[in-house]
Amino acid sequence: MLDYPLQKFTLKGMKGKIKYTQFLNDASEIKISNPVGNCIKKEVSAGDVNLVLPVTKPPVEVLVIEMFLK
């Protein structure tokens, strides 16, 4: 991940397909949540999920998210 988003990273069409997510550098878990509407107009569908990221980017040059699929 070269461009670090602020707390939420939406994965389109991945609902029910992800078993577990973590950062590759330290194996810390990344929580999965359902996307919710907010003041910014954003297209979300029932099949989308959000990865809930820490506010502060982990101290690595290139951040890698490891996903275990069902």
C-alpha atoms as a PDB file:
ATOM      1  CA  MET A   1       0.000   0.000   0.000  1.00  0.00           C
ATOM      2  CA  LEU A   2       1.807   3.115  -1.196  1.00  0.00           C
ATOM      3  CA  ASP A   3      -0.889   5.702  -0.419  1.00  0.00           C
ATOM      4  CA  TYR A   4      -2.042   5.330   3.206  1.00  0.00           C
ATOM      5  CA  PRO A   5      -5.754   6.180   3.689  1.00  0.00           C
ATOM      6  CA  LEU A   6      -7.232   7.692   6.842  1.00  0.00           C
ATOM      7  CA  GLN A   7      -8.652   4.803   8.905  1.00  0.00           C
ATOM      8  CA  LYS A   8     -10.884   3.131   6.305  1.00  0.00           C
ATOM      9  CA  PHE A   9      -9.958   1.255   3.151  1.00  0.00           C
ATOM     10  CA  THR A  10     -12.932  -0.057   1.146  1.00  0.00           C
ATOM     11  CA  LEU A  11     -12.730  -3.360  -0.713  1.00  0.00           C
ATOM     12  CA  LYS A  12     -15.467  -3.644  -3.313  1.00  0.00           C
ATOM     13  CA  GLY A  13     -17.318  -6.954  -3.597  1.00  0.00           C
ATOM     14  CA  MET A  14     -15.318  -8.745  -0.879  1.00  0.00           C
ATOM     15  CA  LYS A  15     -18.041  -9.215   1.762  1.00  0.00           C
ATOM     16  CA  GLY A  16     -18.065 -12.809   3.003  1.00  0.00           C
ATOM     17  CA  LYS A  17     -14.849 -13.673   1.171  1.00  0.00           C
ATOM     18  CA  ILE A  18     -12.240 -12.552   3.730  1.00  0.00           C
ATOM     19  CA  LYS A  19     -11.400 -14.756   6.709  1.00  0.00           C
ATOM     20  CA  TYR A  20      -8.664 -12.622   8.341  1.00  0.00           C
ATOM     21  CA  THR A  21      -6.449  -9.609   7.547  1.00  0.00           C
ATOM     22  CA  GLN A  22      -3.178  -8.460   9.074  1.00  0.00           C
ATOM     23  CA  PHE A  23      -0.152  -6.260   8.431  1.00  0.00           C
ATOM     24  CA  LEU A  24       2.680  -8.335   6.998  1.00  0.00           C
ATOM     25  CA  ASN A  25       5.425  -6.456   8.896  1.00  0.00           C
ATOM     26  CA  ASP A  26       4.208  -7.259  12.447  1.00  0.00           C
ATOM     27  CA  ALA A  27       1.193  -9.597  12.011  1.00  0.00           C
ATOM     28  CA  SER A  28      -1.130  -7.158  13.812  1.00  0.00           C
ATOM     29  CA  GLU A  29      -4.784  -7.772  13.027  1.00  0.00           C
ATOM     30  CA  ILE A  30      -6.799  -5.408  10.831  1.00  0.00           C
ATOM     31  CA  LYS A  31     -10.485  -5.300  11.740  1.00  0.00           C
ATOM     32  CA  ILE A  32     -13.132  -5.708   9.041  1.00  0.00           C
ATOM     33  CA  SER A  33     -16.340  -3.641   9.156  1.00  0.00           C
ATOM     34  CA  ASN A  34     -19.321  -2.815   6.980  1.00  0.00           C
ATOM     35  CA  PRO A  35     -19.088   0.481   5.091  1.00  0.00           C
ATOM     36  CA  VAL A  36     -21.395   3.222   6.363  1.00  0.00           C
ATOM     37  CA  GLY A  37     -22.510   6.435   4.704  1.00  0.00           C
ATOM     38  CA  ASN A  38     -20.922   9.735   5.643  1.00  0.00           C
ATOM     39  CA  CYS A  39     -20.841  13.321   4.458  1.00  0.00           C
ATOM     40  CA  ILE A  40     -18.563  12.454   1.526  1.00  0.00           C
ATOM     41  CA  LYS A  41     -20.510  11.010  -1.400  1.00  0.00           C
ATOM     42  CA  LYS A  42     -19.120   7.565  -1.951  1.00  0.00           C
ATOM     43  CA  GLU A  43     -20.621   4.665  -3.857  1.00  0.00           C
ATOM     44  CA  VAL A  44     -20.902   1.634  -1.569  1.00  0.00           C
ATOM     45  CA  SER A  45     -22.792  -1.583  -2.162  1.00  0.00           C
ATOM     46  CA  ALA A  46     -23.974  -4.418   0.054  1.00  0.00           C
ATOM     47  CA  GLY A  47     -20.989  -6.532  -1.051  1.00  0.00           C
ATOM     48  CA  ASP A  48     -18.325  -4.047   0.106  1.00  0.00           C
ATOM     49  CA  VAL A  49     -16.274  -4.171   3.318  1.00  0.00           C
ATOM     50  CA  ASN A  50     -13.973  -1.702   5.062  1.00  0.00           C
ATOM     51  CA  LEU A  51     -10.587  -2.462   6.537  1.00  0.00           C
ATOM     52  CA  VAL A  52     -10.252  -0.400   9.731  1.00  0.00           C
ATOM     53  CA  LEU A  53      -6.673   0.910   9.742  1.00  0.00           C
ATOM     54  CA  PRO A  54      -4.797   2.709  12.525  1.00  0.00           C
ATOM     55  CA  VAL A  55      -4.701   6.506  12.213  1.00  0.00           C
ATOM     56  CA  THR A  56      -0.899   6.517  12.257  1.00  0.00           C
ATOM     57  CA  LYS A  57       0.790   4.591   9.459  1.00  0.00           C
ATOM     58  CA  PRO A  58       3.064   1.800  10.733  1.00  0.00           C
ATOM     59  CA  PRO A  59       6.780   2.660  10.432  1.00  0.00           C
ATOM     60  CA  VAL A  60       7.608   0.767   7.247  1.00  0.00           C
ATOM     61  CA  GLU A  61       8.514   2.024   3.789  1.00  0.00           C
ATOM     62  CA  VAL A  62       5.914  -0.023   1.897  1.00  0.00           C
ATOM     63  CA  LEU A  63       2.955  -1.286   3.884  1.00  0.00           C
ATOM     64  CA  VAL A  64       1.665  -4.757   2.936  1.00  0.00           C
ATOM     65  CA  ILE A  65      -1.720  -6.111   4.007  1.00  0.00           C
ATOM     66  CA  GLU A  66      -1.990  -9.880   4.073  1.00  0.00           C
ATOM     67  CA  MET A  67      -5.472 -11.362   3.519  1.00  0.00           C
ATOM     68  CA  PHE A  68      -6.616 -14.883   4.227  1.00  0.00           C
ATOM     69  CA  LEU A  69      -9.604 -15.731   2.069  1.00  0.00           C
ATOM     70  CA  LYS A  70     -12.367 -18.198   2.863  1.00  0.00           C
END
